[in-house]
Amino acid sequence: MILTNYVCSILLIALGLYCVVCKRNVFKIVIGMGVIDYGVNLLIVSIGFNPGGSAPIFTARELSHDMFFVDPVPQALTLTSIVIGACVTAMAMAIVIKLKQKYGTLDTEKIRRIHG
């Protein structure tokens, strides 16, 4: 299962990178940035996964040497990354709307030619 997560995260990152590099529509570029963000989040959570691990919530009496815990730091970083990614996507979409209003197109080549 963990190998599937790694493969899917690499595919998501590659697909998003393709959209950012090869597409000319600004909306598609923003969506590609979001897909890269989702792939990186999946990769971070997959790295922090510990098979057979439990949540690191315990008392001193419950702690023993044979216990395995899931690392909570990647989960916290991913939660923060999700919030930041949503804010960045919202801001980028606002810029896309303004580009469409000002130039009448979302094609980066046409915007570049119109602007100079």
PDB file of N, CA and C in Angstrom:
ATOM      1  N   MET A   1       0.812  -1.189   0.000  1.00  0.00           N
ATOM      2  CA  MET A   1       0.000   0.000   0.000  1.00  0.00           C
ATOM      3  C   MET A   1       0.864   1.266   0.000  1.00  0.00           C
ATOM      4  N   ILE A   2       1.941   1.241   0.742  1.00  0.00           N
ATOM      5  CA  ILE A   2       2.778   2.431   0.830  1.00  0.00           C
ATOM      6  C   ILE A   2       3.466   2.704  -0.505  1.00  0.00           C
ATOM      7  N   LEU A   3       3.806   1.655  -1.246  1.00  0.00           N
ATOM      8  CA  LEU A   3       4.397   1.837  -2.571  1.00  0.00           C
ATOM      9  C   LEU A   3       3.401   2.506  -3.511  1.00  0.00           C
ATOM     10  N   THR A   4       2.131   2.161  -3.386  1.00  0.00           N
ATOM     11  CA  THR A   4       1.081   2.792  -4.187  1.00  0.00           C
ATOM     12  C   THR A   4       1.009   4.290  -3.902  1.00  0.00           C
ATOM     13  N   ASN A   5       1.142   4.653  -2.635  1.00  0.00           N
ATOM     14  CA  ASN A   5       1.126   6.073  -2.277  1.00  0.00           C
ATOM     15  C   ASN A   5       2.301   6.813  -2.914  1.00  0.00           C
ATOM     16  N   TYR A   6       3.480   6.208  -2.874  1.00  0.00           N
ATOM     17  CA  TYR A   6       4.658   6.840  -3.476  1.00  0.00           C
ATOM     18  C   TYR A   6       4.475   7.018  -4.989  1.00  0.00           C
ATOM     19  N   VAL A   7       3.985   5.973  -5.646  1.00  0.00           N
ATOM     20  CA  VAL A   7       3.794   6.028  -7.092  1.00  0.00           C
ATOM     21  C   VAL A   7       2.749   7.085  -7.447  1.00  0.00           C
ATOM     22  N   CYS A   8       1.643   7.107  -6.710  1.00  0.00           N
ATOM     23  CA  CYS A   8       0.589   8.093  -6.977  1.00  0.00           C
ATOM     24  C   CYS A   8       1.077   9.513  -6.724  1.00  0.00           C
ATOM     25  N   SER A   9       1.866   9.705  -5.674  1.00  0.00           N
ATOM     26  CA  SER A   9       2.355  11.056  -5.399  1.00  0.00           C
ATOM     27  C   SER A   9       3.320  11.524  -6.488  1.00  0.00           C
ATOM     28  N   ILE A  10       4.176  10.641  -6.969  1.00  0.00           N
ATOM     29  CA  ILE A  10       5.092  11.003  -8.043  1.00  0.00           C
ATOM     30  C   ILE A  10       4.313  11.298  -9.328  1.00  0.00           C
ATOM     31  N   LEU A  11       3.274  10.509  -9.603  1.00  0.00           N
ATOM     32  CA  LEU A  11       2.451  10.766 -10.784  1.00  0.00           C
ATOM     33  C   LEU A  11       1.721  12.102 -10.682  1.00  0.00           C
ATOM     34  N   LEU A  12       1.189  12.419  -9.505  1.00  0.00           N
ATOM     35  CA  LEU A  12       0.518  13.703  -9.319  1.00  0.00           C
ATOM     36  C   LEU A  12       1.487  14.868  -9.509  1.00  0.00           C
ATOM     37  N   ILE A  13       2.676  14.744  -8.946  1.00  0.00           N
ATOM     38  CA  ILE A  13       3.672  15.807  -9.099  1.00  0.00           C
ATOM     39  C   ILE A  13       4.066  15.957 -10.570  1.00  0.00           C
ATOM     40  N   ALA A  14       4.260  14.841 -11.268  1.00  0.00           N
ATOM     41  CA  ALA A  14       4.639  14.897 -12.685  1.00  0.00           C
ATOM     42  C   ALA A  14       3.511  15.485 -13.533  1.00  0.00           C
ATOM     43  N   LEU A  15       2.267  15.101 -13.249  1.00  0.00           N
ATOM     44  CA  LEU A  15       1.134  15.638 -13.995  1.00  0.00           C
ATOM     45  C   LEU A  15       0.987  17.144 -13.769  1.00  0.00           C
ATOM     46  N   GLY A  16       1.130  17.562 -12.527  1.00  0.00           N
ATOM     47  CA  GLY A  16       1.047  18.990 -12.227  1.00  0.00           C
ATOM     48  C   GLY A  16       2.172  19.772 -12.873  1.00  0.00           C
ATOM     49  N   LEU A  17       3.362  19.209 -12.846  1.00  0.00           N
ATOM     50  CA  LEU A  17       4.505  19.873 -13.479  1.00  0.00           C
ATOM     51  C   LEU A  17       4.303  19.987 -14.986  1.00  0.00           C
ATOM     52  N   TYR A  18       3.734  18.958 -15.593  1.00  0.00           N
ATOM     53  CA  TYR A  18       3.410  19.016 -17.024  1.00  0.00           C
ATOM     54  C   TYR A  18       2.431  20.154 -17.306  1.00  0.00           C
ATOM     55  N   CYS A  19       1.393  20.278 -16.475  1.00  0.00           N
ATOM     56  CA  CYS A  19       0.412  21.350 -16.675  1.00  0.00           C
ATOM     57  C   CYS A  19       1.047  22.727 -16.531  1.00  0.00           C
ATOM     58  N   VAL A  20       1.915  22.886 -15.564  1.00  0.00           N
ATOM     59  CA  VAL A  20       2.547  24.190 -15.344  1.00  0.00           C
ATOM     60  C   VAL A  20       3.492  24.543 -16.489  1.00  0.00           C
ATOM     61  N   VAL A  21       4.238  23.573 -16.978  1.00  0.00           N
ATOM     62  CA  VAL A  21       5.262  23.855 -17.987  1.00  0.00           C
ATOM     63  C   VAL A  21       4.692  23.909 -19.406  1.00  0.00           C
ATOM     64  N   CYS A  22       3.774  23.024 -19.737  1.00  0.00           N
ATOM     65  CA  CYS A  22       3.358  22.875 -21.134  1.00  0.00           C
ATOM     66  C   CYS A  22       2.058  23.578 -21.505  1.00  0.00           C
ATOM     67  N   LYS A  23       1.224  23.915 -20.574  1.00  0.00           N
ATOM     68  CA  LYS A  23      -0.055  24.547 -20.898  1.00  0.00           C
ATOM     69  C   LYS A  23       0.111  26.052 -21.024  1.00  0.00           C
ATOM     70  N   ARG A  24      -0.718  26.656 -21.888  1.00  0.00           N
ATOM     71  CA  ARG A  24      -0.660  28.096 -22.088  1.00  0.00           C
ATOM     72  C   ARG A  24      -1.821  28.824 -21.413  1.00  0.00           C
ATOM     73  N   ASN A  25      -2.833  28.098 -20.980  1.00  0.00           N
ATOM     74  CA  ASN A  25      -3.978  28.693 -20.315  1.00  0.00           C
ATOM     75  C   ASN A  25      -3.636  28.917 -18.840  1.00  0.00           C
ATOM     76  N   VAL A  26      -3.829  30.139 -18.360  1.00  0.00           N
ATOM     77  CA  VAL A  26      -3.453  30.476 -16.984  1.00  0.00           C
ATOM     78  C   VAL A  26      -4.268  29.663 -15.981  1.00  0.00           C
ATOM     79  N   PHE A  27      -5.537  29.411 -16.276  1.00  0.00           N
ATOM     80  CA  PHE A  27      -6.381  28.611 -15.389  1.00  0.00           C
ATOM     81  C   PHE A  27      -5.816  27.197 -15.232  1.00  0.00           C
ATOM     82  N   LYS A  28      -5.380  26.597 -16.317  1.00  0.00           N
ATOM     83  CA  LYS A  28      -4.808  25.252 -16.271  1.00  0.00           C
ATOM     84  C   LYS A  28      -3.478  25.238 -15.510  1.00  0.00           C
ATOM     85  N   ILE A  29      -2.731  26.320 -15.608  1.00  0.00           N
ATOM     86  CA  ILE A  29      -1.473  26.419 -14.862  1.00  0.00           C
ATOM     87  C   ILE A  29      -1.747  26.455 -13.358  1.00  0.00           C
ATOM     88  N   VAL A  30      -2.771  27.207 -12.953  1.00  0.00           N
ATOM     89  CA  VAL A  30      -3.131  27.276 -11.532  1.00  0.00           C
ATOM     90  C   VAL A  30      -3.605  25.909 -11.039  1.00  0.00           C
ATOM     91  N   ILE A  31      -4.390  25.215 -11.841  1.00  0.00           N
ATOM     92  CA  ILE A  31      -4.835  23.865 -11.468  1.00  0.00           C
ATOM     93  C   ILE A  31      -3.638  22.926 -11.362  1.00  0.00           C
ATOM     94  N   GLY A  32      -2.675  23.050 -12.247  1.00  0.00           N
ATOM     95  CA  GLY A  32      -1.458  22.244 -12.176  1.00  0.00           C
ATOM     96  C   GLY A  32      -0.672  22.503 -10.905  1.00  0.00           C
ATOM     97  N   MET A  33      -0.628  23.760 -10.470  1.00  0.00           N
ATOM     98  CA  MET A  33       0.047  24.067  -9.198  1.00  0.00           C
ATOM     99  C   MET A  33      -0.659  23.385  -8.035  1.00  0.00           C
ATOM    100  N   GLY A  34      -1.990  23.342  -8.081  1.00  0.00           N
ATOM    101  CA  GLY A  34      -2.745  22.657  -7.032  1.00  0.00           C
ATOM    102  C   GLY A  34      -2.480  21.158  -7.027  1.00  0.00           C
ATOM    103  N   VAL A  35      -2.381  20.561  -8.204  1.00  0.00           N
ATOM    104  CA  VAL A  35      -2.107  19.125  -8.306  1.00  0.00           C
ATOM    105  C   VAL A  35      -0.716  18.809  -7.763  1.00  0.00           C
ATOM    106  N   ILE A  36       0.260  19.675  -8.026  1.00  0.00           N
ATOM    107  CA  ILE A  36       1.594  19.489  -7.446  1.00  0.00           C
ATOM    108  C   ILE A  36       1.513  19.528  -5.929  1.00  0.00           C
ATOM    109  N   ASP A  37       0.731  20.461  -5.398  1.00  0.00           N
ATOM    110  CA  ASP A  37       0.555  20.583  -3.948  1.00  0.00           C
ATOM    111  C   ASP A  37      -0.047  19.309  -3.356  1.00  0.00           C
ATOM    112  N   TYR A  38      -1.058  18.750  -4.029  1.00  0.00           N
ATOM    113  CA  TYR A  38      -1.674  17.511  -3.532  1.00  0.00           C
ATOM    114  C   TYR A  38      -0.684  16.354  -3.562  1.00  0.00           C
ATOM    115  N   GLY A  39       0.128  16.271  -4.615  1.00  0.00           N
ATOM    116  CA  GLY A  39       1.129  15.208  -4.707  1.00  0.00           C
ATOM    117  C   GLY A  39       2.187  15.307  -3.623  1.00  0.00           C
ATOM    118  N   VAL A  40       2.634  16.519  -3.340  1.00  0.00           N
ATOM    119  CA  VAL A  40       3.640  16.710  -2.291  1.00  0.00           C
ATOM    120  C   VAL A  40       3.046  16.374  -0.917  1.00  0.00           C
ATOM    121  N   ASN A  41       1.786  16.764  -0.692  1.00  0.00           N
ATOM    122  CA  ASN A  41       1.138  16.428   0.580  1.00  0.00           C
ATOM    123  C   ASN A  41       1.025  14.915   0.763  1.00  0.00           C
ATOM    124  N   LEU A  42       0.640  14.213  -0.287  1.00  0.00           N
ATOM    125  CA  LEU A  42       0.552  12.754  -0.209  1.00  0.00           C
ATOM    126  C   LEU A  42       1.919  12.138   0.058  1.00  0.00           C
ATOM    127  N   LEU A  43       2.957  12.680  -0.553  1.00  0.00           N
ATOM    128  CA  LEU A  43       4.308  12.170  -0.334  1.00  0.00           C
ATOM    129  C   LEU A  43       4.758  12.386   1.108  1.00  0.00           C
ATOM    130  N   ILE A  44       4.481  13.556   1.660  1.00  0.00           N
ATOM    131  CA  ILE A  44       4.891  13.840   3.039  1.00  0.00           C
ATOM    132  C   ILE A  44       4.176  12.923   4.021  1.00  0.00           C
ATOM    133  N   VAL A  45       2.876  12.734   3.840  1.00  0.00           N
ATOM    134  CA  VAL A  45       2.132  11.843   4.746  1.00  0.00           C
ATOM    135  C   VAL A  45       2.612  10.405   4.589  1.00  0.00           C
ATOM    136  N   SER A  46       2.916   9.985   3.369  1.00  0.00           N
ATOM    137  CA  SER A  46       3.389   8.620   3.143  1.00  0.00           C
ATOM    138  C   SER A  46       4.753   8.381   3.775  1.00  0.00           C
ATOM    139  N   ILE A  47       5.612   9.391   3.766  1.00  0.00           N
ATOM    140  CA  ILE A  47       6.924   9.246   4.399  1.00  0.00           C
ATOM    141  C   ILE A  47       6.778   9.094   5.908  1.00  0.00           C
ATOM    142  N   GLY A  48       5.808   9.792   6.502  1.00  0.00           N
ATOM    143  CA  GLY A  48       5.614   9.719   7.948  1.00  0.00           C
ATOM    144  C   GLY A  48       4.849   8.491   8.412  1.00  0.00           C
ATOM    145  N   PHE A  49       4.381   7.663   7.484  1.00  0.00           N
ATOM    146  CA  PHE A  49       3.598   6.480   7.844  1.00  0.00           C
ATOM    147  C   PHE A  49       4.484   5.405   8.460  1.00  0.00           C
ATOM    148  N   ASN A  50       4.003   4.767   9.496  1.00  0.00           N
ATOM    149  CA  ASN A  50       4.714   3.676  10.152  1.00  0.00           C
ATOM    150  C   ASN A  50       3.776   2.474  10.210  1.00  0.00           C
ATOM    151  N   PRO A  51       4.049   1.388   9.470  1.00  0.00           N
ATOM    152  CA  PRO A  51       3.139   0.237   9.487  1.00  0.00           C
ATOM    153  C   PRO A  51       2.991  -0.334  10.897  1.00  0.00           C
ATOM    154  N   GLY A  52       1.766  -0.505  11.305  1.00  0.00           N
ATOM    155  CA  GLY A  52       1.507  -1.040  12.636  1.00  0.00           C
ATOM    156  C   GLY A  52       1.599   0.001  13.734  1.00  0.00           C
ATOM    157  N   GLY A  53       1.806   1.246  13.364  1.00  0.00           N
ATOM    158  CA  GLY A  53       1.944   2.307  14.348  1.00  0.00           C
ATOM    159  C   GLY A  53       0.604   2.795  14.847  1.00  0.00           C
ATOM    160  N   SER A  54       0.637   3.398  16.003  1.00  0.00           N
ATOM    161  CA  SER A  54      -0.576   3.969  16.577  1.00  0.00           C
ATOM    162  C   SER A  54      -0.359   5.461  16.802  1.00  0.00           C
ATOM    163  N   ALA A  55      -1.419   6.141  17.174  1.00  0.00           N
ATOM    164  CA  ALA A  55      -1.322   7.573  17.438  1.00  0.00           C
ATOM    165  C   ALA A  55      -0.439   7.789  18.671  1.00  0.00           C
ATOM    166  N   PRO A  56       0.390   8.820  18.661  1.00  0.00           N
ATOM    167  CA  PRO A  56       1.306   9.049  19.794  1.00  0.00           C
ATOM    168  C   PRO A  56       0.608   9.733  20.969  1.00  0.00           C
ATOM    169  N   ILE A  57      -0.519   9.167  21.388  1.00  0.00           N
ATOM    170  CA  ILE A  57      -1.254   9.677  22.547  1.00  0.00           C
ATOM    171  C   ILE A  57      -1.193   8.583  23.605  1.00  0.00           C
ATOM    172  N   PHE A  58      -0.510   8.844  24.692  1.00  0.00           N
ATOM    173  CA  PHE A  58      -0.326   7.828  25.719  1.00  0.00           C
ATOM    174  C   PHE A  58      -0.026   8.509  27.046  1.00  0.00           C
ATOM    175  N   THR A  59      -0.123   7.724  28.107  1.00  0.00           N
ATOM    176  CA  THR A  59       0.304   8.185  29.426  1.00  0.00           C
ATOM    177  C   THR A  59       1.590   7.452  29.789  1.00  0.00           C
ATOM    178  N   ALA A  60       2.233   7.861  30.857  1.00  0.00           N
ATOM    179  CA  ALA A  60       3.508   7.250  31.242  1.00  0.00           C
ATOM    180  C   ALA A  60       3.331   5.776  31.588  1.00  0.00           C
ATOM    181  N   ARG A  61       2.185   5.385  32.122  1.00  0.00           N
ATOM    182  CA  ARG A  61       1.953   3.978  32.479  1.00  0.00           C
ATOM    183  C   ARG A  61       1.713   3.091  31.261  1.00  0.00           C
ATOM    184  N   GLU A  62       1.222   3.675  30.196  1.00  0.00           N
ATOM    185  CA  GLU A  62       0.921   2.893  28.995  1.00  0.00           C
ATOM    186  C   GLU A  62       2.136   2.688  28.099  1.00  0.00           C
ATOM    187  N   LEU A  63       3.194   3.447  28.292  1.00  0.00           N
ATOM    188  CA  LEU A  63       4.361   3.410  27.417  1.00  0.00           C
ATOM    189  C   LEU A  63       5.199   2.157  27.680  1.00  0.00           C
ATOM    190  N   SER A  64       5.534   1.449  26.604  1.00  0.00           N
ATOM    191  CA  SER A  64       6.415   0.283  26.699  1.00  0.00           C
ATOM    192  C   SER A  64       7.426   0.347  25.546  1.00  0.00           C
ATOM    193  N   HIS A  65       8.429  -0.528  25.603  1.00  0.00           N
ATOM    194  CA  HIS A  65       9.503  -0.496  24.609  1.00  0.00           C
ATOM    195  C   HIS A  65       9.080  -1.063  23.255  1.00  0.00           C
ATOM    196  N   ASP A  66       8.035  -1.869  23.211  1.00  0.00           N
ATOM    197  CA  ASP A  66       7.642  -2.498  21.955  1.00  0.00           C
ATOM    198  C   ASP A  66       6.537  -1.732  21.221  1.00  0.00           C
ATOM    199  N   MET A  67       6.289  -0.493  21.595  1.00  0.00           N
ATOM    200  CA  MET A  67       5.245   0.307  20.948  1.00  0.00           C
ATOM    201  C   MET A  67       5.811   1.042  19.735  1.00  0.00           C
ATOM    202  N   PHE A  68       5.007   1.109  18.664  1.00  0.00           N
ATOM    203  CA  PHE A  68       5.359   1.850  17.455  1.00  0.00           C
ATOM    204  C   PHE A  68       4.391   3.010  17.296  1.00  0.00           C
ATOM    205  N   PHE A  69       4.913   4.165  16.976  1.00  0.00           N
ATOM    206  CA  PHE A  69       4.074   5.341  16.819  1.00  0.00           C
ATOM    207  C   PHE A  69       4.207   5.901  15.405  1.00  0.00           C
ATOM    208  N   VAL A  70       3.152   6.515  14.951  1.00  0.00           N
ATOM    209  CA  VAL A  70       3.172   7.251  13.698  1.00  0.00           C
ATOM    210  C   VAL A  70       3.726   8.637  14.006  1.00  0.00           C
ATOM    211  N   ASP A  71       4.612   9.116  13.143  1.00  0.00           N
ATOM    212  CA  ASP A  71       5.222  10.428  13.358  1.00  0.00           C
ATOM    213  C   ASP A  71       4.185  11.528  13.117  1.00  0.00           C
ATOM    214  N   PRO A  72       3.882  12.370  14.117  1.00  0.00           N
ATOM    215  CA  PRO A  72       2.857  13.397  13.932  1.00  0.00           C
ATOM    216  C   PRO A  72       3.349  14.648  13.195  1.00  0.00           C
ATOM    217  N   VAL A  73       4.660  14.829  13.080  1.00  0.00           N
ATOM    218  CA  VAL A  73       5.185  16.045  12.456  1.00  0.00           C
ATOM    219  C   VAL A  73       4.801  16.142  10.969  1.00  0.00           C
ATOM    220  N   PRO A  74       4.947  15.081  10.146  1.00  0.00           N
ATOM    221  CA  PRO A  74       4.513  15.197   8.748  1.00  0.00           C
ATOM    222  C   PRO A  74       3.014  15.480   8.616  1.00  0.00           C
ATOM    223  N   GLN A  75       2.219  14.940   9.520  1.00  0.00           N
ATOM    224  CA  GLN A  75       0.780  15.215   9.462  1.00  0.00           C
ATOM    225  C   GLN A  75       0.491  16.672   9.773  1.00  0.00           C
ATOM    226  N   ALA A  76       1.191  17.234  10.740  1.00  0.00           N
ATOM    227  CA  ALA A  76       1.002  18.648  11.072  1.00  0.00           C
ATOM    228  C   ALA A  76       1.482  19.537   9.933  1.00  0.00           C
ATOM    229  N   LEU A  77       2.618  19.189   9.331  1.00  0.00           N
ATOM    230  CA  LEU A  77       3.116  19.962   8.193  1.00  0.00           C
ATOM    231  C   LEU A  77       2.158  19.896   7.008  1.00  0.00           C
ATOM    232  N   THR A  78       1.566  18.731   6.789  1.00  0.00           N
ATOM    233  CA  THR A  78       0.623  18.575   5.691  1.00  0.00           C
ATOM    234  C   THR A  78      -0.641  19.382   5.933  1.00  0.00           C
ATOM    235  N   LEU A  79      -1.123  19.386   7.156  1.00  0.00           N
ATOM    236  CA  LEU A  79      -2.300  20.185   7.477  1.00  0.00           C
ATOM    237  C   LEU A  79      -2.028  21.667   7.230  1.00  0.00           C
ATOM    238  N   THR A  80      -0.867  22.132   7.629  1.00  0.00           N
ATOM    239  CA  THR A  80      -0.484  23.519   7.370  1.00  0.00           C
ATOM    240  C   THR A  80      -0.357  23.776   5.874  1.00  0.00           C
ATOM    241  N   SER A  81       0.202  22.826   5.148  1.00  0.00           N
ATOM    242  CA  SER A  81       0.371  22.966   3.706  1.00  0.00           C
ATOM    243  C   SER A  81      -0.972  23.011   2.983  1.00  0.00           C
ATOM    244  N   ILE A  82      -1.949  22.265   3.459  1.00  0.00           N
ATOM    245  CA  ILE A  82      -3.277  22.288   2.844  1.00  0.00           C
ATOM    246  C   ILE A  82      -3.902  23.676   2.969  1.00  0.00           C
ATOM    247  N   VAL A  83      -3.776  24.268   4.155  1.00  0.00           N
ATOM    248  CA  VAL A  83      -4.334  25.608   4.373  1.00  0.00           C
ATOM    249  C   VAL A  83      -3.615  26.638   3.502  1.00  0.00           C
ATOM    250  N   ILE A  84      -2.302  26.572   3.462  1.00  0.00           N
ATOM    251  CA  ILE A  84      -1.534  27.515   2.643  1.00  0.00           C
ATOM    252  C   ILE A  84      -1.849  27.310   1.161  1.00  0.00           C
ATOM    253  N   GLY A  85      -1.972  26.062   0.723  1.00  0.00           N
ATOM    254  CA  GLY A  85      -2.297  25.773  -0.672  1.00  0.00           C
ATOM    255  C   GLY A  85      -3.659  26.306  -1.073  1.00  0.00           C
ATOM    256  N   ALA A  86      -4.637  26.213  -0.170  1.00  0.00           N
ATOM    257  CA  ALA A  86      -5.961  26.755  -0.470  1.00  0.00           C
ATOM    258  C   ALA A  86      -5.904  28.275  -0.611  1.00  0.00           C
ATOM    259  N   CYS A  87      -5.138  28.924   0.246  1.00  0.00           N
ATOM    260  CA  CYS A  87      -5.005  30.391   0.163  1.00  0.00           C
ATOM    261  C   CYS A  87      -4.283  30.809  -1.112  1.00  0.00           C
ATOM    262  N   VAL A  88      -3.237  30.098  -1.471  1.00  0.00           N
ATOM    263  CA  VAL A  88      -2.495  30.419  -2.698  1.00  0.00           C
ATOM    264  C   VAL A  88      -3.385  30.203  -3.922  1.00  0.00           C
ATOM    265  N   THR A  89      -4.166  29.132  -3.928  1.00  0.00           N
ATOM    266  CA  THR A  89      -5.060  28.873  -5.052  1.00  0.00           C
ATOM    267  C   THR A  89      -6.129  29.952  -5.164  1.00  0.00           C
ATOM    268  N   ALA A  90      -6.681  30.375  -4.036  1.00  0.00           N
ATOM    269  CA  ALA A  90      -7.685  31.443  -4.057  1.00  0.00           C
ATOM    270  C   ALA A  90      -7.087  32.744  -4.585  1.00  0.00           C
ATOM    271  N   MET A  91      -5.889  33.082  -4.160  1.00  0.00           N
ATOM    272  CA  MET A  91      -5.239  34.298  -4.639  1.00  0.00           C
ATOM    273  C   MET A  91      -4.915  34.190  -6.132  1.00  0.00           C
ATOM    274  N   ALA A  92      -4.447  33.026  -6.561  1.00  0.00           N
ATOM    275  CA  ALA A  92      -4.131  32.839  -7.978  1.00  0.00           C
ATOM    276  C   ALA A  92      -5.396  32.925  -8.833  1.00  0.00           C
ATOM    277  N   MET A  93      -6.504  32.399  -8.344  1.00  0.00           N
ATOM    278  CA  MET A  93      -7.760  32.492  -9.090  1.00  0.00           C
ATOM    279  C   MET A  93      -8.249  33.934  -9.175  1.00  0.00           C
ATOM    280  N   ALA A  94      -8.021  34.707  -8.127  1.00  0.00           N
ATOM    281  CA  ALA A  94      -8.371  36.129  -8.185  1.00  0.00           C
ATOM    282  C   ALA A  94      -7.544  36.837  -9.256  1.00  0.00           C
ATOM    283  N   ILE A  95      -6.272  36.482  -9.363  1.00  0.00           N
ATOM    284  CA  ILE A  95      -5.418  37.070 -10.403  1.00  0.00           C
ATOM    285  C   ILE A  95      -5.877  36.617 -11.788  1.00  0.00           C
ATOM    286  N   VAL A  96      -6.310  35.358 -11.913  1.00  0.00           N
ATOM    287  CA  VAL A  96      -6.815  34.859 -13.193  1.00  0.00           C
ATOM    288  C   VAL A  96      -8.057  35.647 -13.609  1.00  0.00           C
ATOM    289  N   ILE A  97      -8.943  35.924 -12.668  1.00  0.00           N
ATOM    290  CA  ILE A  97     -10.150  36.702 -12.982  1.00  0.00           C
ATOM    291  C   ILE A  97      -9.766  38.106 -13.452  1.00  0.00           C
ATOM    292  N   LYS A  98      -8.817  38.732 -12.779  1.00  0.00           N
ATOM    293  CA  LYS A  98      -8.376  40.069 -13.184  1.00  0.00           C
ATOM    294  C   LYS A  98      -7.701  40.053 -14.563  1.00  0.00           C
ATOM    295  N   LEU A  99      -6.917  39.009 -14.851  1.00  0.00           N
ATOM    296  CA  LEU A  99      -6.311  38.884 -16.176  1.00  0.00           C
ATOM    297  C   LEU A  99      -7.376  38.775 -17.264  1.00  0.00           C
ATOM    298  N   LYS A 100      -8.394  37.978 -16.994  1.00  0.00           N
ATOM    299  CA  LYS A 100      -9.477  37.813 -17.973  1.00  0.00           C
ATOM    300  C   LYS A 100     -10.216  39.129 -18.184  1.00  0.00           C
ATOM    301  N   GLN A 101     -10.447  39.875 -17.108  1.00  0.00           N
ATOM    302  CA  GLN A 101     -11.136  41.156 -17.234  1.00  0.00           C
ATOM    303  C   GLN A 101     -10.292  42.177 -17.995  1.00  0.00           C
ATOM    304  N   LYS A 102      -9.011  42.221 -17.718  1.00  0.00           N
ATOM    305  CA  LYS A 102      -8.151  43.243 -18.328  1.00  0.00           C
ATOM    306  C   LYS A 102      -7.791  42.926 -19.776  1.00  0.00           C
ATOM    307  N   TYR A 103      -7.404  41.681 -20.062  1.00  0.00           N
ATOM    308  CA  TYR A 103      -6.908  41.334 -21.388  1.00  0.00           C
ATOM    309  C   TYR A 103      -7.931  40.594 -22.252  1.00  0.00           C
ATOM    310  N   GLY A 104      -8.979  40.069 -21.661  1.00  0.00           N
ATOM    311  CA  GLY A 104      -9.999  39.358 -22.424  1.00  0.00           C
ATOM    312  C   GLY A 104      -9.610  37.951 -22.824  1.00  0.00           C
ATOM    313  N   THR A 105      -8.496  37.446 -22.353  1.00  0.00           N
ATOM    314  CA  THR A 105      -8.030  36.100 -22.677  1.00  0.00           C
ATOM    315  C   THR A 105      -7.232  35.549 -21.506  1.00  0.00           C
ATOM    316  N   LEU A 106      -7.089  34.224 -21.504  1.00  0.00           N
ATOM    317  CA  LEU A 106      -6.260  33.570 -20.488  1.00  0.00           C
ATOM    318  C   LEU A 106      -5.039  32.901 -21.105  1.00  0.00           C
ATOM    319  N   ASP A 107      -4.839  33.093 -22.387  1.00  0.00           N
ATOM    320  CA  ASP A 107      -3.693  32.525 -23.088  1.00  0.00           C
ATOM    321  C   ASP A 107      -2.444  33.354 -22.768  1.00  0.00           C
ATOM    322  N   THR A 108      -1.414  32.700 -22.236  1.00  0.00           N
ATOM    323  CA  THR A 108      -0.218  33.418 -21.802  1.00  0.00           C
ATOM    324  C   THR A 108       0.520  34.062 -22.975  1.00  0.00           C
ATOM    325  N   GLU A 109       0.514  33.431 -24.139  1.00  0.00           N
ATOM    326  CA  GLU A 109       1.186  34.006 -25.317  1.00  0.00           C
ATOM    327  C   GLU A 109       0.514  35.299 -25.756  1.00  0.00           C
ATOM    328  N   LYS A 110      -0.816  35.310 -25.777  1.00  0.00           N
ATOM    329  CA  LYS A 110      -1.540  36.511 -26.180  1.00  0.00           C
ATOM    330  C   LYS A 110      -1.385  37.614 -25.157  1.00  0.00           C
ATOM    331  N   ILE A 111      -1.413  37.266 -23.878  1.00  0.00           N
ATOM    332  CA  ILE A 111      -1.223  38.270 -22.819  1.00  0.00           C
ATOM    333  C   ILE A 111       0.167  38.874 -22.928  1.00  0.00           C
ATOM    334  N   ARG A 112       1.165  38.055 -23.206  1.00  0.00           N
ATOM    335  CA  ARG A 112       2.532  38.538 -23.319  1.00  0.00           C
ATOM    336  C   ARG A 112       2.671  39.473 -24.523  1.00  0.00           C
ATOM    337  N   ARG A 113       2.002  39.140 -25.654  1.00  0.00           N
ATOM    338  CA  ARG A 113       2.060  40.001 -26.841  1.00  0.00           C
ATOM    339  C   ARG A 113       1.297  41.311 -26.636  1.00  0.00           C
ATOM    340  N   ILE A 114       0.148  41.242 -25.958  1.00  0.00           N
ATOM    341  CA  ILE A 114      -0.645  42.439 -25.721  1.00  0.00           C
ATOM    342  C   ILE A 114       0.095  43.389 -24.784  1.00  0.00           C
ATOM    343  N   HIS A 115       0.708  42.819 -23.761  1.00  0.00           N
ATOM    344  CA  HIS A 115       1.374  43.641 -22.747  1.00  0.00           C
ATOM    345  C   HIS A 115       2.662  44.249 -23.273  1.00  0.00           C
ATOM    346  N   GLY A 116       3.321  43.590 -24.181  1.00  0.00           N
ATOM    347  CA  GLY A 116       4.531  44.166 -24.732  1.00  0.00           C
ATOM    348  C   GLY A 116       5.667  43.293 -24.457  1.00  0.00           C
TER     349      GLY A 116
END
